[in-house]
Amino acid sequence: MVERAALPRVVPASCVPTAIAHNEARSRGSSWAGPPLGVDRALLFLVDGISYLIAAVSLIFD
């Protein structure tokens, strides 16, 4: 995945394992919990996009 390759450029070296774990947990959690809850895949992409937008805004104001 591209995001995994880009993490070392975005995240400090000491935090890369944690960042990879967070990305995997988010991905696996949505894949695991979404279908039983009846959540549409498009909604998951929307929520994921919003989380990236929040992260980008927080980086701007950091």
PDB file of N, CA and C in Angstrom:
ATOM      1  N   MET A   1       0.842  -1.183   0.000  1.00  0.00           N
ATOM      2  CA  MET A   1       0.000   0.000   0.000  1.00  0.00           C
ATOM      3  C   MET A   1       0.885   1.244   0.000  1.00  0.00           C
ATOM      4  N   VAL A   2       0.393   2.245  -0.661  1.00  0.00           N
ATOM      5  CA  VAL A   2       1.151   3.481  -0.795  1.00  0.00           C
ATOM      6  C   VAL A   2       1.303   4.183   0.551  1.00  0.00           C
ATOM      7  N   GLU A   3       0.249   4.171   1.352  1.00  0.00           N
ATOM      8  CA  GLU A   3       0.327   4.879   2.631  1.00  0.00           C
ATOM      9  C   GLU A   3       1.402   4.284   3.537  1.00  0.00           C
ATOM     10  N   ARG A   4       1.596   2.980   3.447  1.00  0.00           N
ATOM     11  CA  ARG A   4       2.633   2.343   4.260  1.00  0.00           C
ATOM     12  C   ARG A   4       4.027   2.792   3.824  1.00  0.00           C
ATOM     13  N   ALA A   5       4.220   2.981   2.523  1.00  0.00           N
ATOM     14  CA  ALA A   5       5.505   3.448   2.008  1.00  0.00           C
ATOM     15  C   ALA A   5       5.730   4.921   2.324  1.00  0.00           C
ATOM     16  N   ALA A   6       4.658   5.698   2.420  1.00  0.00           N
ATOM     17  CA  ALA A   6       4.789   7.128   2.673  1.00  0.00           C
ATOM     18  C   ALA A   6       4.942   7.462   4.154  1.00  0.00           C
ATOM     19  N   LEU A   7       4.556   6.559   5.032  1.00  0.00           N
ATOM     20  CA  LEU A   7       4.608   6.847   6.469  1.00  0.00           C
ATOM     21  C   LEU A   7       5.980   7.288   6.967  1.00  0.00           C
ATOM     22  N   PRO A   8       7.076   6.645   6.575  1.00  0.00           N
ATOM     23  CA  PRO A   8       8.372   7.087   7.084  1.00  0.00           C
ATOM     24  C   PRO A   8       8.724   8.526   6.695  1.00  0.00           C
ATOM     25  N   ARG A   9       8.114   9.035   5.646  1.00  0.00           N
ATOM     26  CA  ARG A   9       8.374  10.419   5.234  1.00  0.00           C
ATOM     27  C   ARG A   9       7.501  11.413   5.995  1.00  0.00           C
ATOM     28  N   VAL A  10       6.408  10.928   6.574  1.00  0.00           N
ATOM     29  CA  VAL A  10       5.450  11.807   7.238  1.00  0.00           C
ATOM     30  C   VAL A  10       5.570  11.739   8.757  1.00  0.00           C
ATOM     31  N   VAL A  11       5.892  10.562   9.255  1.00  0.00           N
ATOM     32  CA  VAL A  11       5.911  10.303  10.693  1.00  0.00           C
ATOM     33  C   VAL A  11       7.361  10.177  11.160  1.00  0.00           C
ATOM     34  N   PRO A  12       7.689  10.699  12.345  1.00  0.00           N
ATOM     35  CA  PRO A  12       9.046  10.509  12.870  1.00  0.00           C
ATOM     36  C   PRO A  12       9.390   9.015  12.980  1.00  0.00           C
ATOM     37  N   ALA A  13      10.650   8.696  12.787  1.00  0.00           N
ATOM     38  CA  ALA A  13      11.096   7.294  12.745  1.00  0.00           C
ATOM     39  C   ALA A  13      10.676   6.507  13.984  1.00  0.00           C
ATOM     40  N   SER A  14      10.688   7.131  15.131  1.00  0.00           N
ATOM     41  CA  SER A  14      10.338   6.418  16.359  1.00  0.00           C
ATOM     42  C   SER A  14       8.848   6.076  16.433  1.00  0.00           C
ATOM     43  N   CYS A  15       8.021   6.758  15.643  1.00  0.00           N
ATOM     44  CA  CYS A  15       6.569   6.546  15.682  1.00  0.00           C
ATOM     45  C   CYS A  15       6.044   5.714  14.518  1.00  0.00           C
ATOM     46  N   VAL A  16       6.911   5.289  13.601  1.00  0.00           N
ATOM     47  CA  VAL A  16       6.455   4.545  12.425  1.00  0.00           C
ATOM     48  C   VAL A  16       5.736   3.252  12.800  1.00  0.00           C
ATOM     49  N   PRO A  17       6.271   2.418  13.692  1.00  0.00           N
ATOM     50  CA  PRO A  17       5.535   1.188  14.031  1.00  0.00           C
ATOM     51  C   PRO A  17       4.137   1.464  14.598  1.00  0.00           C
ATOM     52  N   THR A  18       4.018   2.483  15.405  1.00  0.00           N
ATOM     53  CA  THR A  18       2.710   2.836  15.967  1.00  0.00           C
ATOM     54  C   THR A  18       1.768   3.331  14.885  1.00  0.00           C
ATOM     55  N   ALA A  19       2.287   4.138  13.964  1.00  0.00           N
ATOM     56  CA  ALA A  19       1.456   4.651  12.883  1.00  0.00           C
ATOM     57  C   ALA A  19       0.972   3.522  11.981  1.00  0.00           C
ATOM     58  N   ILE A  20       1.832   2.564  11.688  1.00  0.00           N
ATOM     59  CA  ILE A  20       1.431   1.414  10.878  1.00  0.00           C
ATOM     60  C   ILE A  20       0.360   0.609  11.609  1.00  0.00           C
ATOM     61  N   ALA A  21       0.539   0.427  12.906  1.00  0.00           N
ATOM     62  CA  ALA A  21      -0.444  -0.317  13.700  1.00  0.00           C
ATOM     63  C   ALA A  21      -1.795   0.387  13.701  1.00  0.00           C
ATOM     64  N   HIS A  22      -1.798   1.706  13.810  1.00  0.00           N
ATOM     65  CA  HIS A  22      -3.051   2.459  13.804  1.00  0.00           C
ATOM     66  C   HIS A  22      -3.753   2.323  12.458  1.00  0.00           C
ATOM     67  N   ASN A  23      -2.986   2.425  11.371  1.00  0.00           N
ATOM     68  CA  ASN A  23      -3.593   2.275  10.047  1.00  0.00           C
ATOM     69  C   ASN A  23      -4.185   0.880   9.860  1.00  0.00           C
ATOM     70  N   GLU A  24      -3.456  -0.132  10.282  1.00  0.00           N
ATOM     71  CA  GLU A  24      -3.951  -1.506  10.159  1.00  0.00           C
ATOM     72  C   GLU A  24      -5.196  -1.716  11.019  1.00  0.00           C
ATOM     73  N   ALA A  25      -5.180  -1.187  12.229  1.00  0.00           N
ATOM     74  CA  ALA A  25      -6.331  -1.346  13.126  1.00  0.00           C
ATOM     75  C   ALA A  25      -7.570  -0.675  12.544  1.00  0.00           C
ATOM     76  N   ARG A  26      -7.388   0.512  11.980  1.00  0.00           N
ATOM     77  CA  ARG A  26      -8.524   1.217  11.385  1.00  0.00           C
ATOM     78  C   ARG A  26      -9.075   0.424  10.206  1.00  0.00           C
ATOM     79  N   SER A  27      -8.179  -0.047   9.360  1.00  0.00           N
ATOM     80  CA  SER A  27      -8.602  -0.794   8.176  1.00  0.00           C
ATOM     81  C   SER A  27      -9.287  -2.106   8.560  1.00  0.00           C
ATOM     82  N   ARG A  28      -8.660  -2.851   9.443  1.00  0.00           N
ATOM     83  CA  ARG A  28      -9.230  -4.146   9.851  1.00  0.00           C
ATOM     84  C   ARG A  28     -10.519  -3.964  10.639  1.00  0.00           C
ATOM     85  N   GLY A  29     -10.545  -2.941  11.484  1.00  0.00           N
ATOM     86  CA  GLY A  29     -11.742  -2.698  12.283  1.00  0.00           C
ATOM     87  C   GLY A  29     -12.941  -2.348  11.430  1.00  0.00           C
ATOM     88  N   SER A  30     -12.738  -1.505  10.425  1.00  0.00           N
ATOM     89  CA  SER A  30     -13.864  -1.140   9.558  1.00  0.00           C
ATOM     90  C   SER A  30     -14.292  -2.317   8.695  1.00  0.00           C
ATOM     91  N   SER A  31     -13.334  -3.130   8.257  1.00  0.00           N
ATOM     92  CA  SER A  31     -13.673  -4.316   7.458  1.00  0.00           C
ATOM     93  C   SER A  31     -14.412  -5.356   8.298  1.00  0.00           C
ATOM     94  N   TRP A  32     -14.051  -5.450   9.549  1.00  0.00           N
ATOM     95  CA  TRP A  32     -14.648  -6.439  10.430  1.00  0.00           C
ATOM     96  C   TRP A  32     -16.018  -5.993  10.947  1.00  0.00           C
ATOM     97  N   ALA A  33     -16.122  -4.721  11.352  1.00  0.00           N
ATOM     98  CA  ALA A  33     -17.346  -4.247  12.000  1.00  0.00           C
ATOM     99  C   ALA A  33     -18.376  -3.706  11.020  1.00  0.00           C
ATOM    100  N   GLY A  34     -17.949  -3.235   9.862  1.00  0.00           N
ATOM    101  CA  GLY A  34     -18.865  -2.594   8.927  1.00  0.00           C
ATOM    102  C   GLY A  34     -19.992  -3.472   8.431  1.00  0.00           C
ATOM    103  N   PRO A  35     -19.703  -4.613   7.799  1.00  0.00           N
ATOM    104  CA  PRO A  35     -20.794  -5.435   7.251  1.00  0.00           C
ATOM    105  C   PRO A  35     -21.814  -5.921   8.282  1.00  0.00           C
ATOM    106  N   PRO A  36     -21.381  -6.396   9.465  1.00  0.00           N
ATOM    107  CA  PRO A  36     -22.410  -6.824  10.430  1.00  0.00           C
ATOM    108  C   PRO A  36     -23.303  -5.681  10.916  1.00  0.00           C
ATOM    109  N   LEU A  37     -22.772  -4.486  10.905  1.00  0.00           N
ATOM    110  CA  LEU A  37     -23.565  -3.340  11.349  1.00  0.00           C
ATOM    111  C   LEU A  37     -24.430  -2.778  10.222  1.00  0.00           C
ATOM    112  N   GLY A  38     -24.241  -3.296   9.018  1.00  0.00           N
ATOM    113  CA  GLY A  38     -25.022  -2.816   7.884  1.00  0.00           C
ATOM    114  C   GLY A  38     -24.532  -1.490   7.348  1.00  0.00           C
ATOM    115  N   VAL A  39     -23.285  -1.158   7.594  1.00  0.00           N
ATOM    116  CA  VAL A  39     -22.730   0.109   7.141  1.00  0.00           C
ATOM    117  C   VAL A  39     -22.312  -0.035   5.680  1.00  0.00           C
ATOM    118  N   ASP A  40     -22.745   0.888   4.868  1.00  0.00           N
ATOM    119  CA  ASP A  40     -22.400   0.880   3.459  1.00  0.00           C
ATOM    120  C   ASP A  40     -20.920   1.216   3.278  1.00  0.00           C
ATOM    121  N   ARG A  41     -20.282   0.606   2.286  1.00  0.00           N
ATOM    122  CA  ARG A  41     -18.859   0.847   2.050  1.00  0.00           C
ATOM    123  C   ARG A  41     -18.577   2.304   1.729  1.00  0.00           C
ATOM    124  N   ALA A  42     -19.480   2.959   1.050  1.00  0.00           N
ATOM    125  CA  ALA A  42     -19.278   4.370   0.708  1.00  0.00           C
ATOM    126  C   ALA A  42     -19.186   5.219   1.971  1.00  0.00           C
ATOM    127  N   LEU A  43     -19.971   4.886   2.974  1.00  0.00           N
ATOM    128  CA  LEU A  43     -19.923   5.623   4.236  1.00  0.00           C
ATOM    129  C   LEU A  43     -18.565   5.462   4.904  1.00  0.00           C
ATOM    130  N   LEU A  44     -18.001   4.266   4.829  1.00  0.00           N
ATOM    131  CA  LEU A  44     -16.678   4.044   5.411  1.00  0.00           C
ATOM    132  C   LEU A  44     -15.622   4.896   4.720  1.00  0.00           C
ATOM    133  N   PHE A  45     -15.706   5.013   3.386  1.00  0.00           N
ATOM    134  CA  PHE A  45     -14.768   5.869   2.664  1.00  0.00           C
ATOM    135  C   PHE A  45     -14.955   7.328   3.051  1.00  0.00           C
ATOM    136  N   LEU A  46     -16.189   7.735   3.234  1.00  0.00           N
ATOM    137  CA  LEU A  46     -16.468   9.113   3.634  1.00  0.00           C
ATOM    138  C   LEU A  46     -15.876   9.406   5.009  1.00  0.00           C
ATOM    139  N   VAL A  47     -16.085   8.522   5.950  1.00  0.00           N
ATOM    140  CA  VAL A  47     -15.535   8.703   7.298  1.00  0.00           C
ATOM    141  C   VAL A  47     -14.013   8.693   7.255  1.00  0.00           C
ATOM    142  N   ASP A  48     -13.430   7.820   6.449  1.00  0.00           N
ATOM    143  CA  ASP A  48     -11.973   7.766   6.305  1.00  0.00           C
ATOM    144  C   ASP A  48     -11.454   9.071   5.720  1.00  0.00           C
ATOM    145  N   GLY A  49     -12.123   9.581   4.710  1.00  0.00           N
ATOM    146  CA  GLY A  49     -11.723  10.856   4.107  1.00  0.00           C
ATOM    147  C   GLY A  49     -11.815  12.008   5.090  1.00  0.00           C
ATOM    148  N   ILE A  50     -12.857  12.014   5.885  1.00  0.00           N
ATOM    149  CA  ILE A  50     -13.010  13.064   6.896  1.00  0.00           C
ATOM    150  C   ILE A  50     -11.895  12.969   7.929  1.00  0.00           C
ATOM    151  N   SER A  51     -11.504  11.752   8.296  1.00  0.00           N
ATOM    152  CA  SER A  51     -10.417  11.608   9.274  1.00  0.00           C
ATOM    153  C   SER A  51      -9.103  12.135   8.702  1.00  0.00           C
ATOM    154  N   TYR A  52      -8.858  11.911   7.394  1.00  0.00           N
ATOM    155  CA  TYR A  52      -7.648  12.452   6.771  1.00  0.00           C
ATOM    156  C   TYR A  52      -7.712  13.979   6.712  1.00  0.00           C
ATOM    157  N   LEU A  53      -8.889  14.529   6.451  1.00  0.00           N
ATOM    158  CA  LEU A  53      -9.047  15.972   6.422  1.00  0.00           C
ATOM    159  C   LEU A  53      -8.776  16.568   7.796  1.00  0.00           C
ATOM    160  N   ILE A  54      -9.294  15.951   8.825  1.00  0.00           N
ATOM    161  CA  ILE A  54      -9.036  16.423  10.200  1.00  0.00           C
ATOM    162  C   ILE A  54      -7.553  16.348  10.514  1.00  0.00           C
ATOM    163  N   ALA A  55      -6.893  15.266  10.104  1.00  0.00           N
ATOM    164  CA  ALA A  55      -5.454  15.138  10.346  1.00  0.00           C
ATOM    165  C   ALA A  55      -4.684  16.225   9.612  1.00  0.00           C
ATOM    166  N   ALA A  56      -5.052  16.520   8.380  1.00  0.00           N
ATOM    167  CA  ALA A  56      -4.354  17.558   7.612  1.00  0.00           C
ATOM    168  C   ALA A  56      -4.539  18.923   8.247  1.00  0.00           C
ATOM    169  N   VAL A  57      -5.754  19.210   8.677  1.00  0.00           N
ATOM    170  CA  VAL A  57      -6.014  20.503   9.332  1.00  0.00           C
ATOM    171  C   VAL A  57      -5.244  20.602  10.642  1.00  0.00           C
ATOM    172  N   SER A  58      -5.167  19.511  11.387  1.00  0.00           N
ATOM    173  CA  SER A  58      -4.434  19.559  12.653  1.00  0.00           C
ATOM    174  C   SER A  58      -2.939  19.754  12.401  1.00  0.00           C
ATOM    175  N   LEU A  59      -2.419  19.240  11.289  1.00  0.00           N
ATOM    176  CA  LEU A  59      -1.013  19.467  10.960  1.00  0.00           C
ATOM    177  C   LEU A  59      -0.754  20.917  10.581  1.00  0.00           C
ATOM    178  N   ILE A  60      -1.710  21.541   9.928  1.00  0.00           N
ATOM    179  CA  ILE A  60      -1.551  22.944   9.539  1.00  0.00           C
ATOM    180  C   ILE A  60      -1.463  23.825  10.780  1.00  0.00           C
ATOM    181  N   PHE A  61      -2.277  23.528  11.796  1.00  0.00           N
ATOM    182  CA  PHE A  61      -2.317  24.354  12.992  1.00  0.00           C
ATOM    183  C   PHE A  61      -1.391  23.870  14.110  1.00  0.00           C
ATOM    184  N   ASP A  62      -0.554  22.901  13.813  1.00  0.00           N
ATOM    185  CA  ASP A  62       0.366  22.367  14.814  1.00  0.00           C
ATOM    186  C   ASP A  62       1.530  23.292  15.033  1.00  0.00           C
TER     187      ASP A  62
END
